[in-house]
Protein backbone atom coordinates (compact mmCIF):
# COMPACT_ATOMS: atom_id res chain seq x y z
CA UNK A 1 15.30 42.15 -12.13
CA UNK A 2 12.11 40.15 -12.74
CA UNK A 3 14.11 37.33 -14.33
CA UNK A 4 16.33 37.12 -11.21
CA UNK A 5 13.24 36.75 -8.99
CA UNK A 6 11.79 34.03 -11.23
CA UNK A 7 15.12 32.16 -11.31
CA UNK A 8 15.43 32.33 -7.53
CA UNK A 9 11.84 31.10 -7.11
CA UNK A 10 12.48 28.28 -9.58
CA UNK A 11 15.65 27.21 -7.76
CA UNK A 12 13.89 27.33 -4.38
CA UNK A 13 10.98 25.20 -5.62
CA UNK A 14 13.44 22.78 -7.25
CA UNK A 15 15.32 22.39 -3.96
CA UNK A 16 12.10 21.82 -2.00
CA UNK A 17 11.06 19.27 -4.62
CA UNK A 18 14.38 17.40 -4.35
CA UNK A 19 13.99 17.34 -0.54
CA UNK A 20 10.50 15.85 -0.81
CA UNK A 21 11.70 13.20 -3.30
CA UNK A 22 14.60 12.21 -1.09
CA UNK A 23 12.35 12.23 2.05
CA UNK A 24 9.78 10.02 0.24
CA UNK A 25 12.42 7.51 -0.86
CA UNK A 26 14.09 7.44 2.58
CA UNK A 27 10.64 6.92 4.13
CA UNK A 28 9.95 4.09 1.74
CA UNK A 29 13.19 2.35 2.66
CA UNK A 30 12.81 2.91 6.42
CA UNK A 31 9.26 1.55 6.61
CA UNK A 32 10.54 -1.83 5.43
CA UNK A 33 12.97 -2.19 8.32
CA UNK A 34 11.73 -4.82 10.83
CA UNK A 35 12.37 -2.64 13.87
CA UNK A 36 10.20 0.14 12.45
CA UNK A 37 7.18 -2.12 11.79
CA UNK A 38 4.27 -2.83 14.12
CA UNK A 39 2.96 -6.36 14.47
CA UNK A 40 -0.73 -7.07 13.88
CA UNK A 41 -1.77 -9.14 16.89
CA UNK A 42 -4.53 -11.73 16.70
CA UNK A 43 -6.12 -12.52 20.10
CA UNK A 44 -8.52 -15.37 20.42
CA UNK A 45 -9.77 -18.18 22.64
CA UNK A 46 -7.82 -21.41 22.51
CA UNK A 47 -10.27 -23.71 24.23
CA UNK A 48 -13.98 -23.00 24.68
CA UNK A 49 -14.10 -25.25 27.75
CA UNK A 50 -11.63 -23.02 29.54
CA UNK A 51 -12.82 -19.46 28.81
CA UNK A 52 -9.76 -17.93 30.45
CA UNK A 53 -7.36 -19.51 27.96
CA UNK A 54 -6.36 -17.16 25.17
CA UNK A 55 -3.74 -17.17 22.48
CA UNK A 56 -1.88 -14.28 21.07
CA UNK A 57 -0.44 -14.58 17.56
CA UNK A 58 1.33 -12.23 15.27
CA UNK A 59 -0.47 -12.35 11.92
CA UNK A 60 1.47 -9.72 9.97
CA UNK A 61 3.37 -6.49 10.37
CA UNK A 62 2.63 -3.02 9.13
CA UNK A 63 4.68 0.17 8.91
CA UNK A 64 4.59 2.60 11.84
CA UNK A 65 1.72 5.16 11.31
CA UNK A 66 4.15 8.09 11.25
CA UNK A 67 5.42 6.88 7.86
CA UNK A 68 1.90 7.29 6.39
CA UNK A 69 1.76 10.93 7.53
CA UNK A 70 5.21 11.71 6.08
CA UNK A 71 4.15 10.08 2.79
CA UNK A 72 0.83 11.93 2.84
CA UNK A 73 2.61 15.35 3.15
CA UNK A 74 5.10 14.36 0.42
CA UNK A 75 2.30 13.25 -1.94
CA UNK A 76 0.27 16.34 -1.24
CA UNK A 77 3.30 18.33 -2.37
CA UNK A 78 3.78 16.14 -5.46
CA UNK A 79 0.05 16.33 -6.38
CA UNK A 80 0.00 20.11 -5.98
CA UNK A 81 3.22 20.61 -7.90
CA UNK A 82 2.04 18.32 -10.73
CA UNK A 83 -1.32 20.02 -10.96
CA UNK A 84 0.29 23.49 -11.04
CA UNK A 85 2.77 22.47 -13.70
CA UNK A 86 -0.10 21.00 -15.78
CA UNK A 87 -2.21 24.11 -15.21
CA UNK A 88 0.49 26.52 -16.36
CA UNK A 89 1.93 24.47 -19.24
CA UNK A 90 1.28 25.81 -22.78
CA UNK A 91 -0.27 22.54 -24.06
CA UNK A 92 -1.53 19.73 -21.78
CA UNK A 93 -1.21 16.96 -24.41
CA UNK A 94 2.55 17.15 -24.92
CA UNK A 95 3.01 17.82 -21.16
CA UNK A 96 1.28 14.56 -20.24
CA UNK A 97 3.38 12.58 -22.84
CA UNK A 98 6.80 13.37 -21.45
CA UNK A 99 8.47 10.49 -19.60
CA UNK A 100 9.15 12.50 -16.44
CA UNK A 101 5.51 13.60 -16.14
CA UNK A 102 4.26 10.05 -16.83
CA UNK A 103 6.48 8.74 -14.05
CA UNK A 104 5.39 11.56 -11.78
CA UNK A 105 1.74 10.89 -12.40
CA UNK A 106 2.02 7.13 -11.94
CA UNK A 107 4.11 7.52 -8.77
CA UNK A 108 1.67 9.99 -7.30
CA UNK A 109 -1.49 8.08 -8.22
CA UNK A 110 0.02 4.86 -6.83
CA UNK A 111 0.07 6.41 -3.35
CA UNK A 112 -3.70 7.13 -3.50
CA UNK A 113 -4.44 3.65 -4.86
CA UNK A 114 -2.32 2.13 -2.08
CA UNK A 115 -4.11 4.29 0.51
CA UNK A 116 -7.55 3.27 -0.75
CA UNK A 117 -6.72 -0.44 -0.89
CA UNK A 118 -5.03 -0.32 2.49
CA UNK A 119 -8.15 1.22 4.03
CA UNK A 120 -10.37 -1.40 2.39
CA UNK A 121 -8.24 -4.44 3.23
CA UNK A 122 -6.86 -5.69 6.51
CA UNK A 123 -4.37 -8.18 7.85
CA UNK A 124 -2.45 -10.43 5.45
CA UNK A 125 -4.33 -8.94 2.47
CA UNK A 126 -2.52 -5.63 3.20
CA UNK A 127 0.81 -7.15 2.15
CA UNK A 128 -0.48 -7.94 -1.35
CA UNK A 129 -1.07 -4.24 -2.14
CA UNK A 130 2.29 -2.92 -0.95
CA UNK A 131 3.67 -3.42 -4.43
CA UNK A 132 2.12 -0.06 -5.31
CA UNK A 133 4.72 1.50 -3.00
CA UNK A 134 7.50 0.15 -5.18
CA UNK A 135 6.19 2.22 -8.09
CA UNK A 136 6.96 5.36 -6.10
CA UNK A 137 10.73 4.61 -6.28
CA UNK A 138 10.38 5.73 -9.91
CA UNK A 139 10.64 9.27 -8.53
CA UNK A 140 14.38 8.73 -8.51
CA UNK A 141 14.21 9.44 -12.23
CA UNK A 142 12.63 12.79 -11.43
CA UNK A 143 15.93 13.81 -9.82
CA UNK A 144 17.55 13.61 -13.24
CA UNK A 145 15.95 17.01 -13.99
CA UNK A 146 18.22 18.60 -11.42
CA UNK A 147 21.47 16.71 -11.79
CA UNK A 148 23.75 16.58 -14.85
CA UNK A 149 25.51 13.60 -13.29
CA UNK A 150 22.29 11.58 -13.09
CA UNK A 151 21.43 12.55 -16.71
CA UNK A 152 24.83 11.14 -17.76
CA UNK A 153 24.19 7.98 -15.79
CA UNK A 154 20.81 7.47 -17.50
CA UNK A 155 22.44 8.01 -20.91
CA UNK A 156 25.12 5.46 -19.97
CA UNK A 157 22.40 2.94 -19.10
CA UNK A 158 20.63 3.61 -22.40
CA UNK A 159 23.86 3.19 -24.40
CA UNK A 160 24.70 0.01 -22.52
CA UNK A 161 21.24 -1.43 -23.18
CA UNK A 162 21.55 -0.69 -26.94
CA UNK A 163 24.91 -2.46 -27.19
CA UNK A 164 23.51 -5.65 -25.71
């Protein structure tokens, strides 16, 4: 009876985790779409002799703020899940050395680095730190835990790389 409850809980948490991974990746893709970005507008005076003359220029674009909140919730889940797995693992050393956990840690910490740099920088400098977002795509590999088909695909890539 107890094993059935644990298995059900495990499957439920796995399903929630998959949903957060997919949501995070979809959010990453959508925030790059031009129609879902907000322009940063630069307003200034064109000519000091005519104070009423102003120019308006688009300096850069940034993702809609709603994407940040979706990513924040996703990364709060990933952080909590990672910390709980680390807390309840038998030995922390081997846990931290597994490829899936390394990817999970790097993908999660990249969100917080991106957030800190985005808060510190503005305008065109913001684009230079968006590469941290790309690291979070590595979470796709986390889905291999839940899908035999994805595991086979990864093994196929490994075998193909060894042949070449």
